[in-house]
């Protein structure tokens, strides 16, 4: 389960990063084409600006949701460890042993 959560968080982090790059590129295109005249160019720039604004809001919402989920997972882990300290120690020992065996085989 932790692997799925880590993968999901990494995927969301990558998505957020990619969206920031796309937004920055689109803003650069708008700056470069600002001197272009014509009704269609003005209309296109306005439409892109609206979509960029919407994308920024969605990106901020996604980042906030990711932070909230990460904090919730950390709280749940902390609660579990405090409620079940010996089980947590056992799980950590088992993982350490398995990792040691895997590293030792190399």
PDB file of N, CA and C in Angstrom:
ATOM      1  N   UNK A   1       0.820  -1.196   0.000  1.00  0.00           N
ATOM      2  CA  UNK A   1       0.000   0.000   0.000  1.00  0.00           C
ATOM      3  C   UNK A   1       0.858   1.251   0.000  1.00  0.00           C
ATOM      4  N   UNK A   2       1.939   1.212   0.761  1.00  0.00           N
ATOM      5  CA  UNK A   2       2.824   2.371   0.796  1.00  0.00           C
ATOM      6  C   UNK A   2       3.425   2.634  -0.573  1.00  0.00           C
ATOM      7  N   UNK A   3       3.707   1.554  -1.327  1.00  0.00           N
ATOM      8  CA  UNK A   3       4.259   1.731  -2.666  1.00  0.00           C
ATOM      9  C   UNK A   3       3.269   2.442  -3.572  1.00  0.00           C
ATOM     10  N   UNK A   4       1.988   2.072  -3.467  1.00  0.00           N
ATOM     11  CA  UNK A   4       0.964   2.727  -4.273  1.00  0.00           C
ATOM     12  C   UNK A   4       0.830   4.189  -3.899  1.00  0.00           C
ATOM     13  N   UNK A   5       0.874   4.480  -2.605  1.00  0.00           N
ATOM     14  CA  UNK A   5       0.773   5.868  -2.141  1.00  0.00           C
ATOM     15  C   UNK A   5       1.977   6.664  -2.611  1.00  0.00           C
ATOM     16  N   UNK A   6       3.172   6.079  -2.478  1.00  0.00           N
ATOM     17  CA  UNK A   6       4.379   6.763  -2.940  1.00  0.00           C
ATOM     18  C   UNK A   6       4.319   7.021  -4.439  1.00  0.00           C
ATOM     19  N   UNK A   7       3.868   6.010  -5.195  1.00  0.00           N
ATOM     20  CA  UNK A   7       3.759   6.166  -6.637  1.00  0.00           C
ATOM     21  C   UNK A   7       2.756   7.250  -6.989  1.00  0.00           C
ATOM     22  N   UNK A   8       1.606   7.256  -6.300  1.00  0.00           N
ATOM     23  CA  UNK A   8       0.576   8.267  -6.567  1.00  0.00           C
ATOM     24  C   UNK A   8       1.102   9.657  -6.235  1.00  0.00           C
ATOM     25  N   UNK A   9       1.785   9.784  -5.097  1.00  0.00           N
ATOM     26  CA  UNK A   9       2.329  11.090  -4.719  1.00  0.00           C
ATOM     27  C   UNK A   9       3.388  11.543  -5.715  1.00  0.00           C
ATOM     28  N   UNK A  10       4.243  10.623  -6.160  1.00  0.00           N
ATOM     29  CA  UNK A  10       5.267  10.978  -7.144  1.00  0.00           C
ATOM     30  C   UNK A  10       4.619  11.397  -8.458  1.00  0.00           C
ATOM     31  N   UNK A  11       3.561  10.687  -8.843  1.00  0.00           N
ATOM     32  CA  UNK A  11       2.853  11.033 -10.076  1.00  0.00           C
ATOM     33  C   UNK A  11       2.211  12.401  -9.973  1.00  0.00           C
ATOM     34  N   UNK A  12       1.610  12.691  -8.822  1.00  0.00           N
ATOM     35  CA  UNK A  12       0.988  14.001  -8.635  1.00  0.00           C
ATOM     36  C   UNK A  12       2.048  15.094  -8.610  1.00  0.00           C
ATOM     37  N   UNK A  13       3.170  14.828  -7.954  1.00  0.00           N
ATOM     38  CA  UNK A  13       4.257  15.813  -7.933  1.00  0.00           C
ATOM     39  C   UNK A  13       4.742  16.092  -9.353  1.00  0.00           C
ATOM     40  N   UNK A  14       4.880  15.042 -10.153  1.00  0.00           N
ATOM     41  CA  UNK A  14       5.330  15.194 -11.539  1.00  0.00           C
ATOM     42  C   UNK A  14       4.290  15.982 -12.337  1.00  0.00           C
ATOM     43  N   UNK A  15       3.019  15.685 -12.128  1.00  0.00           N
ATOM     44  CA  UNK A  15       1.955  16.404 -12.823  1.00  0.00           C
ATOM     45  C   UNK A  15       1.974  17.877 -12.463  1.00  0.00           C
ATOM     46  N   UNK A  16       2.117  18.183 -11.192  1.00  0.00           N
ATOM     47  CA  UNK A  16       2.168  19.577 -10.741  1.00  0.00           C
ATOM     48  C   UNK A  16       3.370  20.269 -11.373  1.00  0.00           C
ATOM     49  N   UNK A  17       4.505  19.606 -11.370  1.00  0.00           N
ATOM     50  CA  UNK A  17       5.715  20.180 -11.965  1.00  0.00           C
ATOM     51  C   UNK A  17       5.520  20.428 -13.459  1.00  0.00           C
ATOM     52  N   UNK A  18       4.964  19.450 -14.165  1.00  0.00           N
ATOM     53  CA  UNK A  18       4.730  19.598 -15.604  1.00  0.00           C
ATOM     54  C   UNK A  18       3.741  20.726 -15.889  1.00  0.00           C
ATOM     55  N   UNK A  19       2.705  20.828 -15.067  1.00  0.00           N
ATOM     56  CA  UNK A  19       1.723  21.899 -15.275  1.00  0.00           C
ATOM     57  C   UNK A  19       2.361  23.273 -15.080  1.00  0.00           C
ATOM     58  N   UNK A  20       3.241  23.394 -14.089  1.00  0.00           N
ATOM     59  CA  UNK A  20       3.924  24.673 -13.871  1.00  0.00           C
ATOM     60  C   UNK A  20       4.757  25.047 -15.091  1.00  0.00           C
ATOM     61  N   UNK A  21       5.407  24.065 -15.691  1.00  0.00           N
ATOM     62  CA  UNK A  21       6.229  24.315 -16.884  1.00  0.00           C
ATOM     63  C   UNK A  21       5.341  24.742 -18.049  1.00  0.00           C
ATOM     64  N   UNK A  22       4.226  24.055 -18.241  1.00  0.00           N
ATOM     65  CA  UNK A  22       3.301  24.398 -19.329  1.00  0.00           C
ATOM     66  C   UNK A  22       2.762  25.810 -19.137  1.00  0.00           C
ATOM     67  N   UNK A  23       2.389  26.129 -17.926  1.00  0.00           N
ATOM     68  CA  UNK A  23       1.865  27.476 -17.642  1.00  0.00           C
ATOM     69  C   UNK A  23       2.929  28.529 -17.920  1.00  0.00           C
ATOM     70  N   UNK A  24       4.154  28.279 -17.482  1.00  0.00           N
ATOM     71  CA  UNK A  24       5.240  29.233 -17.726  1.00  0.00           C
ATOM     72  C   UNK A  24       5.487  29.404 -19.220  1.00  0.00           C
ATOM     73  N   UNK A  25       5.457  28.298 -19.968  1.00  0.00           N
ATOM     74  CA  UNK A  25       5.658  28.374 -21.418  1.00  0.00           C
ATOM     75  C   UNK A  25       4.532  29.155 -22.094  1.00  0.00           C
ATOM     76  N   UNK A  26       3.306  28.914 -21.672  1.00  0.00           N
ATOM     77  CA  UNK A  26       2.169  29.627 -22.262  1.00  0.00           C
ATOM     78  C   UNK A  26       2.248  31.120 -21.957  1.00  0.00           C
ATOM     79  N   UNK A  27       2.657  31.450 -20.736  1.00  0.00           N
ATOM     80  CA  UNK A  27       2.809  32.870 -20.389  1.00  0.00           C
ATOM     81  C   UNK A  27       3.905  33.515 -21.237  1.00  0.00           C
ATOM     82  N   UNK A  28       4.971  32.782 -21.496  1.00  0.00           N
ATOM     83  CA  UNK A  28       6.051  33.296 -22.346  1.00  0.00           C
ATOM     84  C   UNK A  28       5.535  33.519 -23.771  1.00  0.00           C
ATOM     85  N   UNK A  29       4.752  32.607 -24.276  1.00  0.00           N
ATOM     86  CA  UNK A  29       4.170  32.764 -25.619  1.00  0.00           C
ATOM     87  C   UNK A  29       3.298  34.010 -25.666  1.00  0.00           C
ATOM     88  N   UNK A  30       2.514  34.224 -24.632  1.00  0.00           N
ATOM     89  CA  UNK A  30       1.676  35.421 -24.587  1.00  0.00           C
ATOM     90  C   UNK A  30       2.524  36.686 -24.594  1.00  0.00           C
ATOM     91  N   UNK A  31       3.627  36.677 -23.848  1.00  0.00           N
ATOM     92  CA  UNK A  31       4.501  37.863 -23.824  1.00  0.00           C
ATOM     93  C   UNK A  31       5.136  38.107 -25.185  1.00  0.00           C
ATOM     94  N   UNK A  32       5.594  37.044 -25.828  1.00  0.00           N
ATOM     95  CA  UNK A  32       6.272  37.179 -27.114  1.00  0.00           C
ATOM     96  C   UNK A  32       5.309  37.653 -28.203  1.00  0.00           C
ATOM     97  N   UNK A  33       4.083  37.180 -28.145  1.00  0.00           N
ATOM     98  CA  UNK A  33       3.113  37.538 -29.188  1.00  0.00           C
ATOM     99  C   UNK A  33       2.271  38.759 -28.831  1.00  0.00           C
ATOM    100  N   UNK A  34       2.615  39.436 -27.763  1.00  0.00           N
ATOM    101  CA  UNK A  34       1.823  40.595 -27.329  1.00  0.00           C
ATOM    102  C   UNK A  34       1.788  41.688 -28.395  1.00  0.00           C
ATOM    103  N   UNK A  35       2.813  41.788 -29.197  1.00  0.00           N
ATOM    104  CA  UNK A  35       2.852  42.841 -30.215  1.00  0.00           C
ATOM    105  C   UNK A  35       2.078  42.461 -31.468  1.00  0.00           C
ATOM    106  N   UNK A  36       1.639  41.223 -31.572  1.00  0.00           N
ATOM    107  CA  UNK A  36       0.873  40.794 -32.737  1.00  0.00           C
ATOM    108  C   UNK A  36      -0.482  41.502 -32.732  1.00  0.00           C
ATOM    109  N   UNK A  37      -0.835  42.005 -33.877  1.00  0.00           N
ATOM    110  CA  UNK A  37      -2.098  42.738 -33.988  1.00  0.00           C
ATOM    111  C   UNK A  37      -3.135  41.841 -34.653  1.00  0.00           C
ATOM    112  N   UNK A  38      -4.324  42.289 -34.634  1.00  0.00           N
ATOM    113  CA  UNK A  38      -5.394  41.559 -35.299  1.00  0.00           C
ATOM    114  C   UNK A  38      -6.411  41.061 -34.295  1.00  0.00           C
ATOM    115  N   UNK A  39      -7.628  40.990 -34.784  1.00  0.00           N
ATOM    116  CA  UNK A  39      -8.728  40.584 -33.922  1.00  0.00           C
ATOM    117  C   UNK A  39      -8.562  39.147 -33.440  1.00  0.00           C
ATOM    118  N   UNK A  40      -8.138  38.255 -34.337  1.00  0.00           N
ATOM    119  CA  UNK A  40      -7.977  36.852 -33.960  1.00  0.00           C
ATOM    120  C   UNK A  40      -6.861  36.683 -32.934  1.00  0.00           C
ATOM    121  N   UNK A  41      -5.782  37.421 -33.086  1.00  0.00           N
ATOM    122  CA  UNK A  41      -4.672  37.325 -32.132  1.00  0.00           C
ATOM    123  C   UNK A  41      -5.114  37.809 -30.759  1.00  0.00           C
ATOM    124  N   UNK A  42      -5.839  38.895 -30.712  1.00  0.00           N
ATOM    125  CA  UNK A  42      -6.334  39.430 -29.442  1.00  0.00           C
ATOM    126  C   UNK A  42      -7.293  38.431 -28.796  1.00  0.00           C
ATOM    127  N   UNK A  43      -8.177  37.870 -29.596  1.00  0.00           N
ATOM    128  CA  UNK A  43      -9.143  36.886 -29.090  1.00  0.00           C
ATOM    129  C   UNK A  43      -8.422  35.635 -28.578  1.00  0.00           C
ATOM    130  N   UNK A  44      -7.439  35.188 -29.322  1.00  0.00           N
ATOM    131  CA  UNK A  44      -6.684  33.998 -28.921  1.00  0.00           C
ATOM    132  C   UNK A  44      -5.929  34.246 -27.616  1.00  0.00           C
ATOM    133  N   UNK A  45      -5.282  35.404 -27.505  1.00  0.00           N
ATOM    134  CA  UNK A  45      -4.557  35.725 -26.266  1.00  0.00           C
ATOM    135  C   UNK A  45      -5.511  35.772 -25.072  1.00  0.00           C
ATOM    136  N   UNK A  46      -6.679  36.358 -25.266  1.00  0.00           N
ATOM    137  CA  UNK A  46      -7.653  36.444 -24.169  1.00  0.00           C
ATOM    138  C   UNK A  46      -8.120  35.051 -23.754  1.00  0.00           C
ATOM    139  N   UNK A  47      -8.361  34.198 -24.739  1.00  0.00           N
ATOM    140  CA  UNK A  47      -8.802  32.833 -24.437  1.00  0.00           C
ATOM    141  C   UNK A  47      -7.705  32.053 -23.708  1.00  0.00           C
ATOM    142  N   UNK A  48      -6.466  32.217 -24.150  1.00  0.00           N
ATOM    143  CA  UNK A  48      -5.349  31.532 -23.495  1.00  0.00           C
ATOM    144  C   UNK A  48      -5.172  32.050 -22.068  1.00  0.00           C
ATOM    145  N   UNK A  49      -5.292  33.353 -21.882  1.00  0.00           N
ATOM    146  CA  UNK A  49      -5.168  33.919 -20.533  1.00  0.00           C
ATOM    147  C   UNK A  49      -6.243  33.364 -19.600  1.00  0.00           C
ATOM    148  N   UNK A  50      -7.464  33.238 -20.109  1.00  0.00           N
ATOM    149  CA  UNK A  50      -8.543  32.663 -19.291  1.00  0.00           C
ATOM    150  C   UNK A  50      -8.227  31.220 -18.917  1.00  0.00           C
ATOM    151  N   UNK A  51      -7.763  30.464 -19.884  1.00  0.00           N
ATOM    152  CA  UNK A  51      -7.443  29.054 -19.617  1.00  0.00           C
ATOM    153  C   UNK A  51      -6.254  28.929 -18.671  1.00  0.00           C
ATOM    154  N   UNK A  52      -5.288  29.807 -18.814  1.00  0.00           N
ATOM    155  CA  UNK A  52      -4.143  29.792 -17.896  1.00  0.00           C
ATOM    156  C   UNK A  52      -4.589  30.103 -16.474  1.00  0.00           C
ATOM    157  N   UNK A  53      -5.454  31.079 -16.331  1.00  0.00           N
ATOM    158  CA  UNK A  53      -5.969  31.429 -15.009  1.00  0.00           C
ATOM    159  C   UNK A  53      -6.677  30.225 -14.387  1.00  0.00           C
ATOM    160  N   UNK A  54      -7.520  29.548 -15.190  1.00  0.00           N
ATOM    161  CA  UNK A  54      -8.222  28.361 -14.707  1.00  0.00           C
ATOM    162  C   UNK A  54      -7.233  27.247 -14.341  1.00  0.00           C
ATOM    163  N   UNK A  55      -6.214  27.061 -15.181  1.00  0.00           N
ATOM    164  CA  UNK A  55      -5.223  26.016 -14.923  1.00  0.00           C
ATOM    165  C   UNK A  55      -4.450  26.304 -13.639  1.00  0.00           C
ATOM    166  N   UNK A  56      -4.130  27.569 -13.402  1.00  0.00           N
ATOM    167  CA  UNK A  56      -3.417  27.932 -12.171  1.00  0.00           C
ATOM    168  C   UNK A  56      -4.264  27.634 -10.943  1.00  0.00           C
ATOM    169  N   UNK A  57      -5.554  27.914 -11.032  1.00  0.00           N
ATOM    170  CA  UNK A  57      -6.449  27.637  -9.902  1.00  0.00           C
ATOM    171  C   UNK A  57      -6.520  26.136  -9.660  1.00  0.00           C
ATOM    172  N   UNK A  58      -6.689  25.363 -10.726  1.00  0.00           N
ATOM    173  CA  UNK A  58      -6.749  23.901 -10.574  1.00  0.00           C
ATOM    174  C   UNK A  58      -5.435  23.358 -10.034  1.00  0.00           C
ATOM    175  N   UNK A  59      -4.327  23.921 -10.475  1.00  0.00           N
ATOM    176  CA  UNK A  59      -3.014  23.490 -10.000  1.00  0.00           C
ATOM    177  C   UNK A  59      -2.854  23.785  -8.510  1.00  0.00           C
ATOM    178  N   UNK A  60      -3.281  24.953  -8.088  1.00  0.00           N
ATOM    179  CA  UNK A  60      -3.215  25.288  -6.662  1.00  0.00           C
ATOM    180  C   UNK A  60      -4.101  24.356  -5.846  1.00  0.00           C
ATOM    181  N   UNK A  61      -5.267  24.028  -6.383  1.00  0.00           N
ATOM    182  CA  UNK A  61      -6.164  23.093  -5.694  1.00  0.00           C
ATOM    183  C   UNK A  61      -5.526  21.709  -5.598  1.00  0.00           C
ATOM    184  N   UNK A  62      -4.888  21.271  -6.686  1.00  0.00           N
ATOM    185  CA  UNK A  62      -4.240  19.956  -6.691  1.00  0.00           C
ATOM    186  C   UNK A  62      -3.087  19.918  -5.692  1.00  0.00           C
ATOM    187  N   UNK A  63      -2.310  21.001  -5.641  1.00  0.00           N
ATOM    188  CA  UNK A  63      -1.209  21.062  -4.685  1.00  0.00           C
ATOM    189  C   UNK A  63      -1.731  21.019  -3.251  1.00  0.00           C
ATOM    190  N   UNK A  64      -2.801  21.759  -2.989  1.00  0.00           N
ATOM    191  CA  UNK A  64      -3.379  21.771  -1.649  1.00  0.00           C
ATOM    192  C   UNK A  64      -3.909  20.394  -1.271  1.00  0.00           C
ATOM    193  N   UNK A  65      -4.557  19.729  -2.215  1.00  0.00           N
ATOM    194  CA  UNK A  65      -5.076  18.383  -1.954  1.00  0.00           C
ATOM    195  C   UNK A  65      -3.940  17.405  -1.690  1.00  0.00           C
ATOM    196  N   UNK A  66      -2.860  17.527  -2.442  1.00  0.00           N
ATOM    197  CA  UNK A  66      -1.702  16.653  -2.241  1.00  0.00           C
ATOM    198  C   UNK A  66      -1.094  16.870  -0.867  1.00  0.00           C
ATOM    199  N   UNK A  67      -0.971  18.114  -0.461  1.00  0.00           N
ATOM    200  CA  UNK A  67      -0.431  18.419   0.864  1.00  0.00           C
ATOM    201  C   UNK A  67      -1.345  17.864   1.946  1.00  0.00           C
ATOM    202  N   UNK A  68      -2.656  18.040   1.782  1.00  0.00           N
ATOM    203  CA  UNK A  68      -3.613  17.533   2.770  1.00  0.00           C
ATOM    204  C   UNK A  68      -3.539  16.014   2.886  1.00  0.00           C
ATOM    205  N   UNK A  69      -3.471  15.321   1.753  1.00  0.00           N
ATOM    206  CA  UNK A  69      -3.404  13.859   1.780  1.00  0.00           C
ATOM    207  C   UNK A  69      -2.096  13.378   2.396  1.00  0.00           C
ATOM    208  N   UNK A  70      -1.015  14.075   2.104  1.00  0.00           N
ATOM    209  CA  UNK A  70       0.274  13.695   2.678  1.00  0.00           C
ATOM    210  C   UNK A  70       0.263  13.882   4.188  1.00  0.00           C
ATOM    211  N   UNK A  71      -0.301  14.996   4.634  1.00  0.00           N
ATOM    212  CA  UNK A  71      -0.398  15.236   6.077  1.00  0.00           C
ATOM    213  C   UNK A  71      -1.287  14.201   6.747  1.00  0.00           C
ATOM    214  N   UNK A  72      -2.383  13.835   6.094  1.00  0.00           N
ATOM    215  CA  UNK A  72      -3.293  12.832   6.656  1.00  0.00           C
ATOM    216  C   UNK A  72      -2.588  11.481   6.764  1.00  0.00           C
ATOM    217  N   UNK A  73      -1.818  11.124   5.748  1.00  0.00           N
ATOM    218  CA  UNK A  73      -1.083   9.857   5.793  1.00  0.00           C
ATOM    219  C   UNK A  73      -0.041   9.879   6.909  1.00  0.00           C
ATOM    220  N   UNK A  74       0.621  11.007   7.085  1.00  0.00           N
ATOM    221  CA  UNK A  74       1.615  11.124   8.157  1.00  0.00           C
ATOM    222  C   UNK A  74       0.948  11.030   9.522  1.00  0.00           C
ATOM    223  N   UNK A  75      -0.207  11.671   9.665  1.00  0.00           N
ATOM    224  CA  UNK A  75      -0.945  11.585  10.945  1.00  0.00           C
ATOM    225  C   UNK A  75      -1.392  10.157  11.220  1.00  0.00           C
ATOM    226  N   UNK A  76      -1.890   9.473  10.195  1.00  0.00           N
ATOM    227  CA  UNK A  76      -2.343   8.093  10.363  1.00  0.00           C
ATOM    228  C   UNK A  76      -1.183   7.187  10.756  1.00  0.00           C
ATOM    229  N   UNK A  77      -0.045   7.397  10.146  1.00  0.00           N
ATOM    230  CA  UNK A  77       1.145   6.611  10.489  1.00  0.00           C
ATOM    231  C   UNK A  77       1.566   6.905  11.912  1.00  0.00           C
ATOM    232  N   UNK A  78       1.585   8.162  12.285  1.00  0.00           N
ATOM    233  CA  UNK A  78       1.964   8.545  13.642  1.00  0.00           C
ATOM    234  C   UNK A  78       1.006   7.938  14.668  1.00  0.00           C
ATOM    235  N   UNK A  79      -0.295   7.994  14.370  1.00  0.00           N
ATOM    236  CA  UNK A  79      -1.290   7.416  15.275  1.00  0.00           C
ATOM    237  C   UNK A  79      -1.087   5.910  15.417  1.00  0.00           C
ATOM    238  N   UNK A  80      -0.841   5.242  14.286  1.00  0.00           N
ATOM    239  CA  UNK A  80      -0.641   3.788  14.329  1.00  0.00           C
ATOM    240  C   UNK A  80       0.577   3.431  15.178  1.00  0.00           C
ATOM    241  N   UNK A  81       1.668   4.159  14.969  1.00  0.00           N
ATOM    242  CA  UNK A  81       2.896   3.870  15.715  1.00  0.00           C
ATOM    243  C   UNK A  81       2.682   4.112  17.204  1.00  0.00           C
ATOM    244  N   UNK A  82       1.965   5.161  17.558  1.00  0.00           N
ATOM    245  CA  UNK A  82       1.718   5.435  18.974  1.00  0.00           C
ATOM    246  C   UNK A  82       0.763   4.412  19.597  1.00  0.00           C
ATOM    247  N   UNK A  83      -0.198   3.944  18.818  1.00  0.00           N
ATOM    248  CA  UNK A  83      -1.158   2.970  19.335  1.00  0.00           C
ATOM    249  C   UNK A  83      -0.592   1.548  19.337  1.00  0.00           C
ATOM    250  N   UNK A  84       0.337   1.258  18.440  1.00  0.00           N
ATOM    251  CA  UNK A  84       0.886  -0.092  18.284  1.00  0.00           C
ATOM    252  C   UNK A  84       2.408  -0.034  18.179  1.00  0.00           C
ATOM    253  N   UNK A  85       3.090   0.388  19.233  1.00  0.00           N
ATOM    254  CA  UNK A  85       4.537   0.572  19.112  1.00  0.00           C
ATOM    255  C   UNK A  85       5.302  -0.710  18.815  1.00  0.00           C
ATOM    256  N   UNK A  86       4.900  -1.815  19.413  1.00  0.00           N
ATOM    257  CA  UNK A  86       5.652  -3.052  19.191  1.00  0.00           C
ATOM    258  C   UNK A  86       5.425  -3.600  17.794  1.00  0.00           C
ATOM    259  N   UNK A  87       4.226  -3.434  17.280  1.00  0.00           N
ATOM    260  CA  UNK A  87       3.987  -3.856  15.900  1.00  0.00           C
ATOM    261  C   UNK A  87       4.817  -3.005  14.939  1.00  0.00           C
ATOM    262  N   UNK A  88       4.890  -1.722  15.217  1.00  0.00           N
ATOM    263  CA  UNK A  88       5.679  -0.825  14.371  1.00  0.00           C
ATOM    264  C   UNK A  88       7.153  -1.219  14.411  1.00  0.00           C
ATOM    265  N   UNK A  89       7.650  -1.561  15.602  1.00  0.00           N
ATOM    266  CA  UNK A  89       9.048  -1.991  15.728  1.00  0.00           C
ATOM    267  C   UNK A  89       9.248  -3.287  14.956  1.00  0.00           C
ATOM    268  N   UNK A  90       8.286  -4.207  15.047  1.00  0.00           N
ATOM    269  CA  UNK A  90       8.380  -5.475  14.321  1.00  0.00           C
ATOM    270  C   UNK A  90       8.390  -5.275  12.816  1.00  0.00           C
ATOM    271  N   UNK A  91       7.526  -4.409  12.333  1.00  0.00           N
ATOM    272  CA  UNK A  91       7.473  -4.126  10.893  1.00  0.00           C
ATOM    273  C   UNK A  91       8.784  -3.490  10.442  1.00  0.00           C
ATOM    274  N   UNK A  92       9.281  -2.538  11.210  1.00  0.00           N
ATOM    275  CA  UNK A  92      10.542  -1.879  10.853  1.00  0.00           C
ATOM    276  C   UNK A  92      11.688  -2.891  10.850  1.00  0.00           C
ATOM    277  N   UNK A  93      11.711  -3.788  11.835  1.00  0.00           N
ATOM    278  CA  UNK A  93      12.770  -4.805  11.892  1.00  0.00           C
ATOM    279  C   UNK A  93      12.679  -5.747  10.697  1.00  0.00           C
ATOM    280  N   UNK A  94      11.469  -6.161  10.361  1.00  0.00           N
ATOM    281  CA  UNK A  94      11.288  -7.063   9.217  1.00  0.00           C
ATOM    282  C   UNK A  94      11.720  -6.394   7.920  1.00  0.00           C
ATOM    283  N   UNK A  95      11.346  -5.143   7.750  1.00  0.00           N
ATOM    284  CA  UNK A  95      11.762  -4.413   6.545  1.00  0.00           C
ATOM    285  C   UNK A  95      13.278  -4.240   6.509  1.00  0.00           C
ATOM    286  N   UNK A  96      13.865  -3.942   7.667  1.00  0.00           N
ATOM    287  CA  UNK A  96      15.320  -3.807   7.731  1.00  0.00           C
ATOM    288  C   UNK A  96      16.021  -5.103   7.394  1.00  0.00           C
ATOM    289  N   UNK A  97      15.498  -6.211   7.896  1.00  0.00           N
ATOM    290  CA  UNK A  97      16.078  -7.520   7.607  1.00  0.00           C
ATOM    291  C   UNK A  97      15.967  -7.834   6.120  1.00  0.00           C
ATOM    292  N   UNK A  98      14.769  -7.614   5.555  1.00  0.00           N
ATOM    293  CA  UNK A  98      14.577  -7.887   4.128  1.00  0.00           C
ATOM    294  C   UNK A  98      15.491  -7.019   3.270  1.00  0.00           C
ATOM    295  N   UNK A  99      15.618  -5.767   3.628  1.00  0.00           N
ATOM    296  CA  UNK A  99      16.504  -4.868   2.888  1.00  0.00           C
ATOM    297  C   UNK A  99      17.955  -5.314   3.018  1.00  0.00           C
ATOM    298  N   UNK A 100      18.336  -5.734   4.219  1.00  0.00           N
ATOM    299  CA  UNK A 100      19.698  -6.229   4.432  1.00  0.00           C
ATOM    300  C   UNK A 100      19.995  -7.462   3.607  1.00  0.00           C
ATOM    301  N   UNK A 101      19.024  -8.360   3.517  1.00  0.00           N
ATOM    302  CA  UNK A 101      19.203  -9.578   2.717  1.00  0.00           C
ATOM    303  C   UNK A 101      19.351  -9.211   1.246  1.00  0.00           C
ATOM    304  N   UNK A 102      18.506  -8.307   0.768  1.00  0.00           N
ATOM    305  CA  UNK A 102      18.578  -7.906  -0.640  1.00  0.00           C
ATOM    306  C   UNK A 102      19.897  -7.218  -0.967  1.00  0.00           C
ATOM    307  N   UNK A 103      20.340  -6.353  -0.088  1.00  0.00           N
ATOM    308  CA  UNK A 103      21.612  -5.656  -0.326  1.00  0.00           C
ATOM    309  C   UNK A 103      22.774  -6.636  -0.221  1.00  0.00           C
ATOM    310  N   UNK A 104      22.675  -7.578   0.712  1.00  0.00           N
ATOM    311  CA  UNK A 104      23.735  -8.556   0.913  1.00  0.00           C
ATOM    312  C   UNK A 104      23.922  -9.486  -0.274  1.00  0.00           C
ATOM    313  N   UNK A 105      22.903  -9.683  -1.070  1.00  0.00           N
ATOM    314  CA  UNK A 105      22.995 -10.584  -2.233  1.00  0.00           C
ATOM    315  C   UNK A 105      23.802  -9.971  -3.364  1.00  0.00           C
ATOM    316  N   UNK A 106      23.937  -8.690  -3.359  1.00  0.00           N
ATOM    317  CA  UNK A 106      24.680  -8.031  -4.445  1.00  0.00           C
ATOM    318  C   UNK A 106      26.093  -8.198  -4.208  1.00  0.00           C
TER     319      UNK A 106
END
